[in-house]
Protein backbone atom coordinates (compact mmCIF):
# COMPACT_ATOMS: atom_id res chain seq x y z
CA MET A 1 78.79 -20.47 -54.34
CA SER A 2 77.70 -18.86 -51.11
CA ALA A 3 74.08 -17.98 -50.47
CA THR A 4 73.18 -14.36 -50.61
CA THR A 5 71.69 -12.68 -47.58
CA THR A 6 69.16 -9.90 -47.59
CA GLY A 7 70.18 -8.45 -44.29
CA PRO A 8 70.71 -9.31 -40.63
CA GLN A 9 68.08 -11.53 -39.05
CA THR A 10 66.00 -10.04 -36.29
CA GLN A 11 65.17 -11.82 -33.05
CA GLY A 12 61.66 -12.71 -34.21
CA GLN A 13 63.08 -14.29 -37.44
CA GLN A 14 65.29 -16.92 -35.84
CA ASP A 15 65.14 -20.51 -37.06
CA ASP A 16 63.29 -21.50 -33.89
CA GLY A 17 60.31 -19.31 -34.79
CA PRO A 18 58.85 -16.29 -33.00
CA VAL A 19 59.51 -15.87 -29.32
CA ALA A 20 56.52 -16.64 -27.07
CA PRO A 21 55.23 -13.69 -25.06
CA SER A 22 56.06 -13.57 -21.39
CA PRO A 23 53.48 -14.67 -18.76
CA GLU A 24 52.99 -11.05 -17.77
CA LYS A 25 52.05 -10.13 -21.34
CA LYS A 26 49.71 -13.11 -21.57
CA LYS A 27 47.95 -12.04 -18.37
CA ALA A 28 47.63 -8.45 -19.58
CA THR A 29 46.26 -9.65 -22.93
CA SER A 30 43.70 -11.97 -21.29
CA ILE A 31 42.00 -9.16 -19.35
CA THR A 32 42.16 -6.59 -22.11
CA GLY A 33 38.71 -5.26 -22.94
CA LYS A 34 36.93 -6.83 -19.95
CA SER A 35 34.47 -4.70 -18.06
CA PRO A 36 34.66 -4.49 -14.25
CA MET A 37 31.48 -6.58 -14.02
CA ARG A 38 32.98 -9.38 -16.14
CA ILE A 39 36.13 -9.34 -14.02
CA ALA A 40 34.01 -9.53 -10.85
CA MET A 41 31.94 -12.42 -12.21
CA GLY A 42 35.14 -14.23 -13.16
CA ARG A 43 36.47 -13.85 -9.64
CA LEU A 44 33.15 -15.06 -8.26
CA ALA A 45 33.16 -18.12 -10.54
CA ARG A 46 36.59 -19.13 -9.18
CA ASP A 47 35.30 -19.06 -5.60
CA LYS A 48 34.25 -22.64 -4.81
CA VAL A 49 32.40 -21.70 -1.62
CA ALA A 50 30.42 -19.06 -3.51
CA MET A 51 29.46 -21.56 -6.22
CA ILE A 52 28.28 -24.10 -3.63
CA CYS A 53 26.21 -21.43 -1.87
CA PHE A 54 24.83 -20.28 -5.20
CA ALA A 55 23.74 -23.85 -5.99
CA VAL A 56 22.02 -24.08 -2.59
CA VAL A 57 20.16 -20.80 -3.16
CA VAL A 58 19.14 -21.93 -6.66
CA PHE A 59 17.85 -25.20 -5.19
CA PHE A 60 15.65 -23.43 -2.65
CA THR A 61 14.46 -20.99 -5.33
CA ILE A 62 13.43 -23.86 -7.60
CA VAL A 63 11.62 -25.53 -4.70
CA ALA A 64 9.76 -22.28 -3.95
CA VAL A 65 8.82 -21.54 -7.56
CA PHE A 66 7.76 -25.09 -8.45
CA ALA A 67 6.25 -26.06 -5.09
CA GLY A 68 2.98 -27.22 -6.63
CA THR A 69 4.72 -29.31 -9.30
CA ILE A 70 7.00 -30.95 -6.73
CA CYS A 71 4.04 -31.90 -4.56
CA LYS A 72 2.26 -33.40 -7.58
CA ILE A 73 5.34 -35.44 -8.49
CA PHE A 74 5.51 -36.94 -4.98
CA GLY A 75 1.73 -37.21 -4.71
CA VAL A 76 1.46 -35.10 -1.54
CA SER A 77 -0.65 -32.07 -0.66
CA THR A 78 -1.34 -29.74 2.23
CA ASP A 79 -5.08 -29.79 1.48
CA THR A 80 -5.61 -33.54 1.63
CA VAL A 81 -7.24 -34.67 4.86
CA LEU A 82 -5.66 -37.98 5.73
CA GLY A 83 -7.38 -40.65 7.77
CA LEU A 84 -6.14 -40.25 11.32
CA SER A 85 -7.26 -43.69 12.48
CA SER A 86 -5.39 -45.51 9.72
CA LEU A 87 -2.14 -43.51 9.84
CA LEU A 88 -1.66 -42.77 13.56
CA ASP A 89 -1.46 -45.09 16.52
CA LEU A 90 -3.06 -44.53 19.90
CA SER A 91 -0.19 -42.26 21.01
CA GLY A 92 -0.59 -40.01 17.96
CA LEU A 93 2.60 -41.17 16.19
CA PRO A 94 2.61 -42.40 12.58
CA ARG A 95 2.10 -46.13 11.96
CA LYS A 96 4.31 -45.94 8.84
CA GLY A 97 7.61 -44.11 8.42
CA PRO A 98 9.64 -42.34 11.10
CA PRO A 99 10.09 -42.21 14.03
CA ASN A 100 9.24 -45.86 14.79
CA ASN A 101 9.45 -47.31 11.28
CA GLY A 102 11.59 -47.09 8.17
CA PHE A 103 11.34 -44.91 5.09
CA ASP A 104 7.86 -44.49 3.62
CA PRO A 105 7.92 -43.76 -0.15
CA GLU A 106 4.39 -42.37 -0.04
CA HIS A 107 5.51 -39.70 2.47
CA PRO A 108 9.29 -39.15 2.01
CA PHE A 109 9.53 -36.66 4.91
CA GLY A 110 7.07 -38.57 7.07
CA ILE A 111 3.78 -37.31 8.43
CA ALA A 112 3.04 -35.00 11.31
CA PRO A 113 1.93 -36.52 14.61
CA SER A 114 -1.61 -35.81 15.82
CA THR A 115 -2.64 -34.19 12.49
CA ALA A 116 -1.27 -36.74 9.96
CA THR A 117 -0.48 -34.02 7.43
CA ASP A 118 2.39 -34.59 5.01
CA ASN A 119 5.69 -33.07 6.14
CA LEU A 120 7.13 -32.76 2.62
CA ALA A 121 4.20 -30.69 1.39
CA PHE A 122 4.42 -28.35 4.37
CA TRP A 123 8.21 -28.11 3.97
CA VAL A 124 7.98 -27.20 0.27
CA TYR A 125 5.22 -24.64 0.73
CA GLY A 126 6.94 -23.30 3.83
CA CYS A 127 10.02 -22.65 1.67
CA ARG A 128 7.87 -20.79 -0.85
CA ASN A 129 6.26 -18.72 1.90
CA SER A 130 9.59 -17.74 3.48
CA LEU A 131 11.30 -16.78 0.22
CA GLN A 132 8.25 -14.94 -1.08
CA ILE A 133 7.94 -12.77 2.02
CA ALA A 134 11.68 -12.23 2.48
CA ALA A 135 12.34 -11.39 -1.17
CA SER A 136 9.39 -8.98 -1.39
CA ALA A 137 10.33 -7.21 1.82
CA THR A 138 13.97 -7.00 0.75
CA LEU A 139 13.06 -5.51 -2.62
CA ILE A 140 10.80 -2.84 -1.10
CA ALA A 141 13.22 -1.98 1.72
CA THR A 142 16.13 -1.78 -0.74
CA VAL A 143 14.32 0.60 -3.09
CA VAL A 144 13.16 2.82 -0.23
CA GLY A 145 16.60 2.81 1.40
CA ILE A 146 18.41 3.68 -1.84
CA VAL A 147 16.02 6.51 -2.70
CA MET A 148 16.14 8.00 0.79
CA GLY A 149 19.92 7.70 1.02
CA LEU A 150 20.51 9.27 -2.41
CA LEU A 151 18.20 12.22 -1.74
CA ALA A 152 19.53 12.87 1.75
CA GLY A 153 23.17 12.65 0.78
CA PHE A 154 23.04 14.57 -2.51
CA LEU A 155 20.50 17.31 -1.76
CA GLY A 156 21.46 17.88 1.88
CA GLY A 157 19.91 20.73 3.82
CA MET A 158 16.27 20.34 4.87
CA VAL A 159 15.85 17.08 2.90
CA ASP A 160 18.77 15.54 4.74
CA ARG A 161 17.40 16.62 8.12
CA ILE A 162 13.92 15.22 7.40
CA VAL A 163 15.22 11.88 6.14
CA SER A 164 17.63 11.60 9.04
CA PHE A 165 14.80 12.29 11.49
CA PHE A 166 12.61 9.50 10.10
CA THR A 167 15.60 7.16 9.97
CA ASP A 168 16.45 7.77 13.61
CA PHE A 169 12.79 7.55 14.60
CA PHE A 170 12.27 4.10 13.07
CA LEU A 171 15.58 2.91 14.49
CA THR A 172 14.36 3.74 18.00
CA VAL A 173 11.13 1.69 17.63
CA PRO A 174 11.69 -1.98 18.55
CA PHE A 175 10.79 -4.23 15.63
CA LEU A 176 9.40 -7.05 17.76
CA LEU A 177 7.22 -4.64 19.76
CA ALA A 178 5.77 -3.21 16.56
CA ALA A 179 5.03 -6.70 15.24
CA LEU A 180 3.37 -7.69 18.52
CA THR A 181 1.23 -4.56 18.33
CA ALA A 182 0.21 -4.97 14.69
CA ALA A 183 -0.69 -8.68 14.89
CA PRO A 184 -3.78 -8.40 17.15
CA ILE A 185 -5.01 -5.33 15.26
CA ILE A 186 -4.88 -7.19 11.96
CA ASN A 187 -6.41 -10.26 13.55
CA GLU A 188 -9.33 -8.28 15.00
CA ARG A 189 -9.93 -6.24 11.84
CA PHE A 190 -9.66 -8.93 9.14
CA ARG A 191 -10.28 -12.20 10.97
CA GLU A 192 -13.61 -12.82 9.21
CA SER A 193 -12.30 -11.82 5.78
CA PRO A 194 -12.05 -14.64 3.18
CA SER A 195 -8.62 -13.30 2.15
CA TYR A 196 -7.27 -13.21 5.70
CA SER A 197 -4.21 -15.32 4.85
CA THR A 198 -3.25 -12.97 2.01
CA ILE A 199 -3.73 -9.94 4.26
CA GLN A 200 -1.39 -11.55 6.81
CA VAL A 201 1.30 -11.93 4.14
CA TYR A 202 0.97 -8.32 2.95
CA ALA A 203 0.97 -7.02 6.51
CA LEU A 204 4.13 -8.95 7.37
CA ILE A 205 5.87 -7.70 4.22
CA ALA A 206 4.89 -4.14 5.14
CA VAL A 207 6.20 -4.49 8.70
CA LEU A 208 9.51 -6.03 7.56
CA SER A 209 9.97 -3.36 4.88
CA LEU A 210 9.07 -0.55 7.26
CA PHE A 211 11.81 -1.58 9.69
CA GLY A 212 14.38 -2.73 7.15
CA TRP A 213 15.29 0.30 5.03
CA MET A 214 17.03 2.49 7.61
CA GLY A 215 20.42 0.77 7.65
CA LEU A 216 20.75 0.89 3.87
CA ALA A 217 19.60 4.52 3.78
CA ARG A 218 22.28 5.59 6.26
CA LEU A 219 24.92 3.59 4.39
CA VAL A 220 24.00 5.10 1.01
CA ARG A 221 23.81 8.59 2.49
CA GLY A 222 27.33 8.32 3.88
CA GLU A 223 28.72 7.10 0.56
CA VAL A 224 26.95 9.85 -1.39
CA LEU A 225 28.31 12.55 0.94
CA SER A 226 31.83 11.57 -0.09
CA LEU A 227 31.07 10.92 -3.77
CA ARG A 228 29.24 14.18 -4.43
CA GLU A 229 32.48 16.14 -4.00
CA ARG A 230 34.36 14.05 -6.56
CA GLU A 231 35.47 15.51 -9.88
CA PHE A 232 33.10 13.53 -12.08
CA ILE A 233 30.07 14.79 -10.11
CA GLN A 234 31.30 18.37 -10.25
CA ALA A 235 31.85 18.00 -13.99
CA ALA A 236 28.30 16.66 -14.42
CA ARG A 237 26.93 19.66 -12.54
CA VAL A 238 28.95 22.09 -14.67
CA LEU A 239 27.61 20.46 -17.83
CA GLY A 240 24.07 21.05 -16.58
CA MET A 241 23.16 17.39 -16.16
CA PRO A 242 19.76 16.91 -14.45
CA THR A 243 19.79 15.80 -10.82
CA SER A 244 17.92 12.58 -11.62
CA ARG A 245 20.55 11.63 -14.20
CA ILE A 246 23.38 12.36 -11.78
CA LEU A 247 21.76 10.19 -9.12
CA ILE A 248 20.95 7.26 -11.41
CA ARG A 249 23.74 7.27 -13.99
CA GLU A 250 26.66 8.70 -12.01
CA LEU A 251 26.18 7.95 -8.31
CA LEU A 252 24.18 4.71 -8.24
CA PRO A 253 26.71 2.56 -10.19
CA ASN A 254 29.39 3.54 -7.67
CA LEU A 255 27.21 2.26 -4.81
CA ALA A 256 26.92 -1.33 -6.07
CA ALA A 257 29.25 -2.84 -3.48
CA PRO A 258 27.63 -1.34 -0.32
CA ILE A 259 24.14 -2.10 -1.67
CA VAL A 260 25.08 -5.73 -2.30
CA VAL A 261 26.48 -5.99 1.22
CA SER A 262 23.29 -4.57 2.72
CA VAL A 263 20.99 -6.80 0.65
CA SER A 264 23.09 -9.87 1.46
CA LEU A 265 22.47 -9.18 5.15
CA MET A 266 18.84 -8.11 4.77
CA LEU A 267 17.50 -11.14 2.87
CA PRO A 268 18.63 -13.87 5.29
CA ALA A 269 17.62 -11.67 8.22
CA PHE A 270 14.10 -11.45 6.82
CA VAL A 271 13.98 -15.23 6.30
CA SER A 272 14.86 -15.72 9.96
CA ALA A 273 12.45 -12.98 11.06
CA GLU A 274 9.56 -14.56 9.15
CA ALA A 275 10.19 -17.95 10.76
CA GLY A 276 10.64 -16.38 14.18
CA LEU A 277 7.41 -14.39 14.00
CA ALA A 278 5.50 -17.46 12.79
CA TYR A 279 6.95 -19.40 15.73
CA LEU A 280 5.65 -16.72 18.09
CA GLY A 281 2.22 -16.87 16.46
CA ILE A 282 2.25 -13.27 15.21
CA GLY A 283 3.43 -13.84 11.66
CA VAL A 284 1.81 -15.90 8.92
CA THR A 285 -0.39 -18.46 10.67
CA GLN A 286 -2.90 -19.34 7.93
CA ARG A 287 -0.34 -20.72 5.46
CA PRO A 288 2.35 -23.42 5.72
CA SER A 289 5.37 -21.95 7.46
CA TRP A 290 8.66 -23.29 8.73
CA GLY A 291 8.17 -21.31 11.93
CA GLN A 292 4.77 -22.86 12.57
CA THR A 293 6.17 -26.33 11.92
CA ILE A 294 9.01 -25.72 14.40
CA LEU A 295 6.48 -24.58 17.00
CA GLN A 296 4.47 -27.79 16.62
CA ALA A 297 7.55 -30.01 16.34
CA SER A 298 9.20 -28.64 19.47
CA LYS A 299 6.51 -30.41 21.52
CA GLN A 300 7.38 -33.74 19.88
CA PHE A 301 11.18 -33.44 19.87
CA GLU A 302 11.89 -36.31 22.25
CA THR A 303 9.70 -38.82 20.42
CA TYR A 304 9.95 -37.48 16.84
CA PRO A 305 13.16 -35.39 16.38
CA LEU A 306 13.08 -35.61 12.56
CA TYR A 307 9.86 -33.57 12.57
CA LEU A 308 11.83 -30.65 14.06
CA TRP A 309 15.08 -31.09 12.14
CA GLU A 310 13.48 -30.86 8.68
CA PRO A 311 12.34 -27.19 8.84
CA LEU A 312 15.24 -26.22 11.09
CA LEU A 313 17.87 -27.49 8.64
CA GLY A 314 16.03 -25.76 5.81
CA ILE A 315 16.27 -22.39 7.57
CA VAL A 316 19.92 -22.88 8.54
CA ALA A 317 20.98 -23.98 5.06
CA LEU A 318 19.17 -21.14 3.29
CA VAL A 319 20.32 -18.39 5.67
CA LEU A 320 23.93 -19.61 5.72
CA ALA A 321 24.09 -19.90 1.93
CA LEU A 322 22.66 -16.40 1.46
CA ASN A 323 25.13 -14.89 3.93
CA LEU A 324 28.19 -16.57 2.41
CA LEU A 325 27.07 -15.76 -1.12
CA GLY A 326 26.56 -12.13 -0.16
CA ASP A 327 30.09 -11.96 1.28
CA ALA A 328 31.49 -13.48 -1.92
CA LEU A 329 29.59 -10.98 -4.07
CA ARG A 330 30.90 -8.12 -1.98
CA ASP A 331 34.48 -9.33 -2.34
CA ALA A 332 34.09 -9.84 -6.08
CA LEU A 333 32.64 -6.37 -6.66
CA ASP A 334 35.20 -4.63 -4.44
CA PRO A 335 38.27 -3.80 -6.57
CA LYS A 336 40.41 -3.49 -3.44
CA THR A 337 39.80 -7.11 -2.41
CA ARG A 338 42.36 -9.74 -3.28
CA ARG A 339 41.36 -13.33 -2.68
């Protein structure tokens, strides 16, 4: 007796089971529901160079944040006055550790010639000083640049002319000349103050911020001039949305990519500027600084090259990692980029 059938079998009811979806459907299903930020972070996570640079930046950040703890672990300090006669020979070079001896566990980075201070302690606190100043100046310059660019580009008219005037004015003033002028004034005014080192830090942050916002302001202004004529901005105006809401909720999210690019260039530039000004003696001179260490080590390069290479490699590694990470962030946030 033949088996009865209920009807023709469809393709999905074959004996072999349901047909697997095509690779194109799988790909479309895997990105369904993802926000642009999640897609960008996924692209960034697949970039090996970006992940290496991110690890380097995290390392320097941890060193800066936990500088005191790291120095306690290694038993070193910038405040300890070491016995010069017991640690230095007649030529001023260390008796233990480099350059004439092997590794010294008590001073992993060696000690400085002539002063016998610990190089590791000065390196760690120099990292904290550089990142603290550069990050603070970058934050202030970024906020000022975004606000100025948004107001100039969206409001136009007299506001645009005033902002453009100040932008062009500060661009014409040489940064190094302004720093050279401000340093002796601060030194003469606050030299006897007990908080002179803190005043130096605040003054340097102010100078860096004052000459760092113009590029971002011009970039944001140009982007806003094109975005304010788009349909979604016109619709927001028709609906009676307040100007502050249009600037913050409508325009600012569309400026993420250019802002990231500007910040990625600004932060490493400020790290280099801080070290360069300290090297010239017009930056932070009352706190440990990579620039000050390079200035002292350059006189001992032939006899003690490691003393110079330690802060120099720290600056190069940090600046290079920040630049490459900024480029990777820009590419990940830019929907037109295909890596």
